[in-house]
Amino acid sequence: MDINQFVINYWGHIAAQNEEALKKYFHENAHIRWHNTNEEFNVSEFLRANCDYPGSWSGEVERIEHLGNLIITVTRVWSEKISFHVTSFFEMDEDKIRTVDEYWGEDEKAPQWRIDKNIGTPIH
């Protein structure tokens, strides 16, 4: 299995909210944790949270790292109105996802206090 293509395809299905395709990526008893909101989901709940969310989405994997059976991705997910960056830690087992730990952050400009102090430089 080409793990880089696996996660790129996975994120494509997340953006497309393709529930049927996404089911195939997970072990039946997988767990997904969104630490920013202190939530844990089983696969069915995770699919509902992603596929029932309103709007049309796009996504682009910006970085993939491998550490044994742990795959780390940085992905930008956006719609017409909002943009996020998400860092995901996928624990793989037999070519399927066993656990995912995700950290979502909304893309926005730097806080005013840093702008006022003239510290930091925009990345893009």
N, C-alpha and C. Protein backbone atom coordinates (compact mmCIF):
# COMPACT_ATOMS: atom_id res chain seq x y z
N MET A 1 0.84 -1.18 0.00
CA MET A 1 0.00 0.00 0.00
C MET A 1 0.89 1.25 0.00
N ASP A 2 0.57 2.19 -0.84
CA ASP A 2 1.24 3.49 -0.87
C ASP A 2 0.55 4.37 0.17
N ILE A 3 1.17 4.53 1.33
CA ILE A 3 0.53 5.24 2.45
C ILE A 3 0.31 6.72 2.14
N ASN A 4 1.21 7.33 1.37
CA ASN A 4 0.99 8.74 1.01
C ASN A 4 -0.28 8.89 0.18
N GLN A 5 -0.46 8.00 -0.80
CA GLN A 5 -1.67 8.07 -1.61
C GLN A 5 -2.91 7.74 -0.78
N PHE A 6 -2.76 6.82 0.17
CA PHE A 6 -3.85 6.46 1.08
C PHE A 6 -4.38 7.70 1.80
N VAL A 7 -3.47 8.50 2.41
CA VAL A 7 -3.94 9.66 3.16
C VAL A 7 -4.40 10.79 2.24
N ILE A 8 -3.81 10.94 1.09
CA ILE A 8 -4.29 11.95 0.13
C ILE A 8 -5.71 11.60 -0.32
N ASN A 9 -5.94 10.32 -0.64
CA ASN A 9 -7.29 9.89 -1.02
C ASN A 9 -8.27 10.06 0.14
N TYR A 10 -7.82 9.70 1.34
CA TYR A 10 -8.66 9.85 2.54
C TYR A 10 -9.13 11.30 2.68
N TRP A 11 -8.20 12.24 2.60
CA TRP A 11 -8.57 13.65 2.76
C TRP A 11 -9.46 14.14 1.61
N GLY A 12 -9.28 13.58 0.43
CA GLY A 12 -10.18 13.90 -0.67
C GLY A 12 -11.61 13.48 -0.36
N HIS A 13 -11.76 12.30 0.24
CA HIS A 13 -13.09 11.82 0.62
C HIS A 13 -13.66 12.63 1.79
N ILE A 14 -12.80 13.08 2.69
CA ILE A 14 -13.27 13.96 3.79
C ILE A 14 -13.84 15.23 3.18
N ALA A 15 -13.10 15.87 2.29
CA ALA A 15 -13.56 17.12 1.68
C ALA A 15 -14.85 16.91 0.89
N ALA A 16 -14.96 15.77 0.21
CA ALA A 16 -16.15 15.47 -0.60
C ALA A 16 -17.31 14.95 0.25
N GLN A 17 -17.05 14.71 1.53
CA GLN A 17 -18.06 14.18 2.47
C GLN A 17 -18.63 12.86 1.94
N ASN A 18 -17.74 12.00 1.48
CA ASN A 18 -18.09 10.72 0.87
C ASN A 18 -18.11 9.63 1.94
N GLU A 19 -19.24 9.48 2.60
CA GLU A 19 -19.38 8.57 3.73
C GLU A 19 -19.07 7.12 3.36
N GLU A 20 -19.58 6.64 2.26
CA GLU A 20 -19.37 5.24 1.86
C GLU A 20 -17.89 4.95 1.64
N ALA A 21 -17.19 5.83 0.97
CA ALA A 21 -15.76 5.61 0.74
C ALA A 21 -14.98 5.69 2.04
N LEU A 22 -15.34 6.62 2.92
CA LEU A 22 -14.60 6.81 4.17
C LEU A 22 -14.69 5.60 5.09
N LYS A 23 -15.81 4.92 5.11
CA LYS A 23 -15.98 3.74 5.97
C LYS A 23 -14.88 2.73 5.74
N LYS A 24 -14.42 2.60 4.52
CA LYS A 24 -13.44 1.58 4.16
C LYS A 24 -12.04 1.85 4.72
N TYR A 25 -11.81 3.07 5.19
CA TYR A 25 -10.48 3.43 5.70
C TYR A 25 -10.26 3.00 7.15
N PHE A 26 -11.34 2.68 7.86
CA PHE A 26 -11.26 2.48 9.30
C PHE A 26 -11.50 1.04 9.72
N HIS A 27 -10.80 0.64 10.80
CA HIS A 27 -11.18 -0.57 11.51
C HIS A 27 -12.55 -0.31 12.12
N GLU A 28 -13.33 -1.34 12.26
CA GLU A 28 -14.69 -1.21 12.78
C GLU A 28 -14.73 -0.52 14.14
N ASN A 29 -13.78 -0.81 14.99
CA ASN A 29 -13.77 -0.25 16.35
C ASN A 29 -12.77 0.90 16.52
N ALA A 30 -12.48 1.60 15.45
CA ALA A 30 -11.54 2.73 15.50
C ALA A 30 -12.09 3.86 16.38
N HIS A 31 -11.18 4.66 16.90
CA HIS A 31 -11.53 5.83 17.70
C HIS A 31 -10.89 7.07 17.09
N ILE A 32 -11.65 8.16 17.08
CA ILE A 32 -11.17 9.42 16.54
C ILE A 32 -11.34 10.46 17.63
N ARG A 33 -10.27 11.20 17.93
CA ARG A 33 -10.31 12.21 19.00
C ARG A 33 -10.00 13.58 18.43
N TRP A 34 -10.87 14.53 18.71
CA TRP A 34 -10.66 15.94 18.37
C TRP A 34 -10.33 16.65 19.67
N HIS A 35 -9.07 16.87 19.90
CA HIS A 35 -8.61 17.39 21.19
C HIS A 35 -9.02 18.84 21.44
N ASN A 36 -9.13 19.66 20.39
CA ASN A 36 -9.50 21.06 20.58
C ASN A 36 -10.87 21.21 21.21
N THR A 37 -11.77 20.26 20.94
CA THR A 37 -13.14 20.33 21.47
C THR A 37 -13.42 19.22 22.48
N ASN A 38 -12.38 18.48 22.87
CA ASN A 38 -12.50 17.44 23.89
C ASN A 38 -13.57 16.41 23.53
N GLU A 39 -13.53 15.91 22.28
CA GLU A 39 -14.51 14.93 21.82
C GLU A 39 -13.82 13.68 21.31
N GLU A 40 -14.49 12.54 21.54
CA GLU A 40 -14.05 11.27 20.98
C GLU A 40 -15.23 10.65 20.24
N PHE A 41 -14.95 10.09 19.05
CA PHE A 41 -15.98 9.54 18.19
C PHE A 41 -15.66 8.09 17.85
N ASN A 42 -16.72 7.28 17.69
CA ASN A 42 -16.53 6.00 17.02
C ASN A 42 -16.65 6.30 15.52
N VAL A 43 -16.48 5.30 14.67
CA VAL A 43 -16.46 5.55 13.23
C VAL A 43 -17.79 6.13 12.76
N SER A 44 -18.89 5.56 13.21
CA SER A 44 -20.20 6.04 12.78
C SER A 44 -20.42 7.50 13.15
N GLU A 45 -20.06 7.87 14.37
CA GLU A 45 -20.22 9.26 14.82
C GLU A 45 -19.30 10.20 14.04
N PHE A 46 -18.08 9.75 13.79
CA PHE A 46 -17.13 10.55 13.04
C PHE A 46 -17.64 10.82 11.62
N LEU A 47 -18.19 9.80 11.00
CA LEU A 47 -18.73 9.97 9.65
C LEU A 47 -19.89 10.95 9.65
N ARG A 48 -20.75 10.88 10.65
CA ARG A 48 -21.86 11.83 10.74
C ARG A 48 -21.33 13.25 10.95
N ALA A 49 -20.33 13.40 11.83
CA ALA A 49 -19.78 14.74 12.11
C ALA A 49 -19.18 15.35 10.85
N ASN A 50 -18.53 14.55 10.03
CA ASN A 50 -17.91 15.06 8.81
C ASN A 50 -18.87 15.17 7.64
N CYS A 51 -19.68 14.16 7.45
CA CYS A 51 -20.50 14.10 6.23
C CYS A 51 -21.81 14.88 6.36
N ASP A 52 -22.26 15.15 7.57
CA ASP A 52 -23.48 15.94 7.77
C ASP A 52 -23.19 17.43 7.92
N TYR A 53 -21.91 17.79 8.02
CA TYR A 53 -21.55 19.19 8.19
C TYR A 53 -21.93 19.96 6.93
N PRO A 54 -22.59 21.10 7.08
CA PRO A 54 -23.06 21.82 5.89
C PRO A 54 -21.94 22.44 5.07
N GLY A 55 -22.21 22.64 3.82
CA GLY A 55 -21.29 23.36 2.95
C GLY A 55 -20.54 22.45 2.00
N SER A 56 -19.84 23.09 1.09
CA SER A 56 -19.00 22.43 0.12
C SER A 56 -17.55 22.67 0.51
N TRP A 57 -16.74 21.62 0.57
CA TRP A 57 -15.38 21.71 1.12
C TRP A 57 -14.34 21.31 0.10
N SER A 58 -13.16 21.85 0.29
CA SER A 58 -11.97 21.44 -0.45
C SER A 58 -10.89 21.10 0.56
N GLY A 59 -9.90 20.35 0.14
CA GLY A 59 -8.82 20.00 1.04
C GLY A 59 -7.53 19.74 0.29
N GLU A 60 -6.42 20.00 0.96
CA GLU A 60 -5.11 19.75 0.36
C GLU A 60 -4.14 19.31 1.45
N VAL A 61 -3.56 18.14 1.27
CA VAL A 61 -2.55 17.65 2.20
C VAL A 61 -1.27 18.41 1.92
N GLU A 62 -0.74 19.07 2.95
CA GLU A 62 0.48 19.87 2.79
C GLU A 62 1.74 19.14 3.24
N ARG A 63 1.56 18.15 4.13
CA ARG A 63 2.75 17.46 4.65
C ARG A 63 2.34 16.09 5.15
N ILE A 64 3.19 15.09 4.91
CA ILE A 64 2.99 13.73 5.40
C ILE A 64 4.30 13.25 6.00
N GLU A 65 4.23 12.74 7.21
CA GLU A 65 5.40 12.18 7.90
C GLU A 65 5.06 10.76 8.36
N HIS A 66 6.07 9.89 8.38
CA HIS A 66 5.90 8.50 8.77
C HIS A 66 6.77 8.22 9.99
N LEU A 67 6.20 7.53 10.96
CA LEU A 67 6.95 7.10 12.14
C LEU A 67 6.42 5.72 12.52
N GLY A 68 7.00 4.69 11.94
CA GLY A 68 6.49 3.33 12.15
C GLY A 68 5.07 3.22 11.64
N ASN A 69 4.14 2.79 12.51
CA ASN A 69 2.75 2.67 12.10
C ASN A 69 1.96 3.95 12.36
N LEU A 70 2.65 5.03 12.66
CA LEU A 70 2.03 6.34 12.87
C LEU A 70 2.28 7.23 11.66
N ILE A 71 1.20 7.75 11.09
CA ILE A 71 1.28 8.66 9.95
C ILE A 71 0.78 10.02 10.43
N ILE A 72 1.56 11.05 10.18
CA ILE A 72 1.21 12.41 10.61
C ILE A 72 0.98 13.24 9.36
N THR A 73 -0.16 13.93 9.33
CA THR A 73 -0.46 14.80 8.19
C THR A 73 -0.79 16.20 8.67
N VAL A 74 -0.46 17.17 7.83
CA VAL A 74 -0.92 18.54 7.98
C VAL A 74 -1.74 18.83 6.74
N THR A 75 -2.99 19.22 6.94
CA THR A 75 -3.92 19.38 5.83
C THR A 75 -4.67 20.70 5.98
N ARG A 76 -4.85 21.38 4.87
CA ARG A 76 -5.70 22.57 4.85
C ARG A 76 -7.06 22.15 4.31
N VAL A 77 -8.12 22.52 5.03
CA VAL A 77 -9.50 22.25 4.65
C VAL A 77 -10.22 23.58 4.62
N TRP A 78 -10.95 23.86 3.50
CA TRP A 78 -11.58 25.16 3.41
C TRP A 78 -12.89 25.09 2.64
N SER A 79 -13.70 26.12 2.87
CA SER A 79 -14.92 26.35 2.10
C SER A 79 -14.86 27.80 1.62
N GLU A 80 -15.96 28.31 1.08
CA GLU A 80 -15.99 29.71 0.63
C GLU A 80 -15.85 30.67 1.80
N LYS A 81 -16.26 30.24 3.00
CA LYS A 81 -16.35 31.15 4.13
C LYS A 81 -15.30 30.96 5.22
N ILE A 82 -14.64 29.80 5.24
CA ILE A 82 -13.75 29.52 6.37
C ILE A 82 -12.63 28.58 5.93
N SER A 83 -11.51 28.66 6.64
CA SER A 83 -10.36 27.81 6.33
C SER A 83 -9.75 27.30 7.64
N PHE A 84 -9.31 26.04 7.61
CA PHE A 84 -8.69 25.41 8.77
C PHE A 84 -7.39 24.75 8.35
N HIS A 85 -6.51 24.58 9.31
CA HIS A 85 -5.39 23.66 9.19
C HIS A 85 -5.59 22.59 10.26
N VAL A 86 -5.38 21.35 9.88
CA VAL A 86 -5.55 20.25 10.81
C VAL A 86 -4.30 19.38 10.80
N THR A 87 -3.82 19.07 12.00
CA THR A 87 -2.72 18.14 12.17
C THR A 87 -3.32 16.84 12.69
N SER A 88 -3.06 15.75 11.96
CA SER A 88 -3.66 14.46 12.28
C SER A 88 -2.57 13.42 12.52
N PHE A 89 -2.81 12.59 13.52
CA PHE A 89 -1.94 11.48 13.85
C PHE A 89 -2.74 10.20 13.65
N PHE A 90 -2.43 9.47 12.58
CA PHE A 90 -3.14 8.24 12.24
C PHE A 90 -2.34 7.04 12.74
N GLU A 91 -2.92 6.22 13.59
CA GLU A 91 -2.29 4.95 13.97
C GLU A 91 -2.87 3.88 13.05
N MET A 92 -2.01 3.27 12.27
CA MET A 92 -2.42 2.30 11.28
C MET A 92 -2.24 0.88 11.80
N ASP A 93 -3.11 -0.01 11.35
CA ASP A 93 -3.02 -1.43 11.69
C ASP A 93 -3.62 -2.20 10.53
N GLU A 94 -2.82 -3.04 9.88
CA GLU A 94 -3.27 -3.85 8.75
C GLU A 94 -3.90 -2.99 7.66
N ASP A 95 -3.23 -1.90 7.31
CA ASP A 95 -3.65 -1.00 6.22
C ASP A 95 -4.98 -0.29 6.45
N LYS A 96 -5.38 -0.18 7.72
CA LYS A 96 -6.58 0.58 8.06
C LYS A 96 -6.27 1.45 9.28
N ILE A 97 -7.10 2.45 9.47
CA ILE A 97 -6.92 3.38 10.59
C ILE A 97 -7.49 2.77 11.86
N ARG A 98 -6.64 2.71 12.89
CA ARG A 98 -7.04 2.21 14.21
C ARG A 98 -7.47 3.39 15.10
N THR A 99 -6.66 4.45 15.11
CA THR A 99 -7.00 5.66 15.88
C THR A 99 -6.57 6.89 15.10
N VAL A 100 -7.25 7.99 15.36
CA VAL A 100 -6.86 9.29 14.82
C VAL A 100 -6.94 10.30 15.96
N ASP A 101 -5.88 11.06 16.13
CA ASP A 101 -5.87 12.20 17.05
C ASP A 101 -5.69 13.44 16.18
N GLU A 102 -6.67 14.37 16.26
CA GLU A 102 -6.63 15.54 15.39
C GLU A 102 -6.68 16.84 16.20
N TYR A 103 -6.00 17.82 15.62
CA TYR A 103 -5.94 19.17 16.19
C TYR A 103 -6.30 20.14 15.07
N TRP A 104 -7.49 20.76 15.20
CA TRP A 104 -8.00 21.69 14.19
C TRP A 104 -7.76 23.11 14.65
N GLY A 105 -7.30 23.95 13.74
CA GLY A 105 -7.14 25.37 14.01
C GLY A 105 -7.69 26.19 12.87
N GLU A 106 -8.47 27.20 13.21
CA GLU A 106 -9.04 28.07 12.18
C GLU A 106 -7.96 29.02 11.68
N ASP A 107 -7.87 29.16 10.36
CA ASP A 107 -6.91 30.08 9.77
C ASP A 107 -7.44 31.51 9.92
N GLU A 108 -6.63 32.36 10.48
CA GLU A 108 -7.02 33.76 10.67
C GLU A 108 -5.76 34.60 10.78
N LYS A 109 -5.93 35.89 10.80
CA LYS A 109 -4.75 36.75 10.92
C LYS A 109 -4.22 36.71 12.35
N ALA A 110 -3.00 37.16 12.50
CA ALA A 110 -2.37 37.19 13.82
C ALA A 110 -3.18 38.07 14.77
N PRO A 111 -3.13 37.77 16.08
CA PRO A 111 -3.84 38.61 17.04
C PRO A 111 -3.32 40.05 17.01
N GLN A 112 -4.19 40.96 17.31
CA GLN A 112 -3.86 42.39 17.24
C GLN A 112 -2.66 42.75 18.11
N TRP A 113 -2.53 42.13 19.27
CA TRP A 113 -1.42 42.49 20.16
C TRP A 113 -0.07 42.20 19.52
N ARG A 114 0.05 41.14 18.69
CA ARG A 114 1.31 40.87 18.01
C ARG A 114 1.50 41.82 16.84
N ILE A 115 0.42 42.15 16.16
CA ILE A 115 0.50 43.13 15.08
C ILE A 115 0.97 44.46 15.65
N ASP A 116 0.40 44.88 16.79
CA ASP A 116 0.78 46.14 17.44
C ASP A 116 2.25 46.15 17.84
N LYS A 117 2.79 45.01 18.25
CA LYS A 117 4.20 44.92 18.65
C LYS A 117 5.13 44.70 17.45
N ASN A 118 4.53 44.56 16.25
CA ASN A 118 5.31 44.36 15.02
C ASN A 118 6.24 43.15 15.14
N ILE A 119 5.68 42.04 15.67
CA ILE A 119 6.45 40.81 15.76
C ILE A 119 5.81 39.73 14.90
N GLY A 120 6.63 38.87 14.34
CA GLY A 120 6.14 37.83 13.44
C GLY A 120 6.03 38.35 12.02
N THR A 121 6.12 37.44 11.10
CA THR A 121 6.02 37.76 9.68
C THR A 121 5.01 36.81 9.05
N PRO A 122 4.11 37.30 8.23
CA PRO A 122 3.17 36.40 7.55
C PRO A 122 3.90 35.33 6.74
N ILE A 123 3.43 34.10 6.79
CA ILE A 123 4.05 33.00 6.06
C ILE A 123 3.73 33.07 4.58
N HIS A 124 2.51 33.43 4.24
CA HIS A 124 2.10 33.46 2.83
C HIS A 124 1.86 34.88 2.39
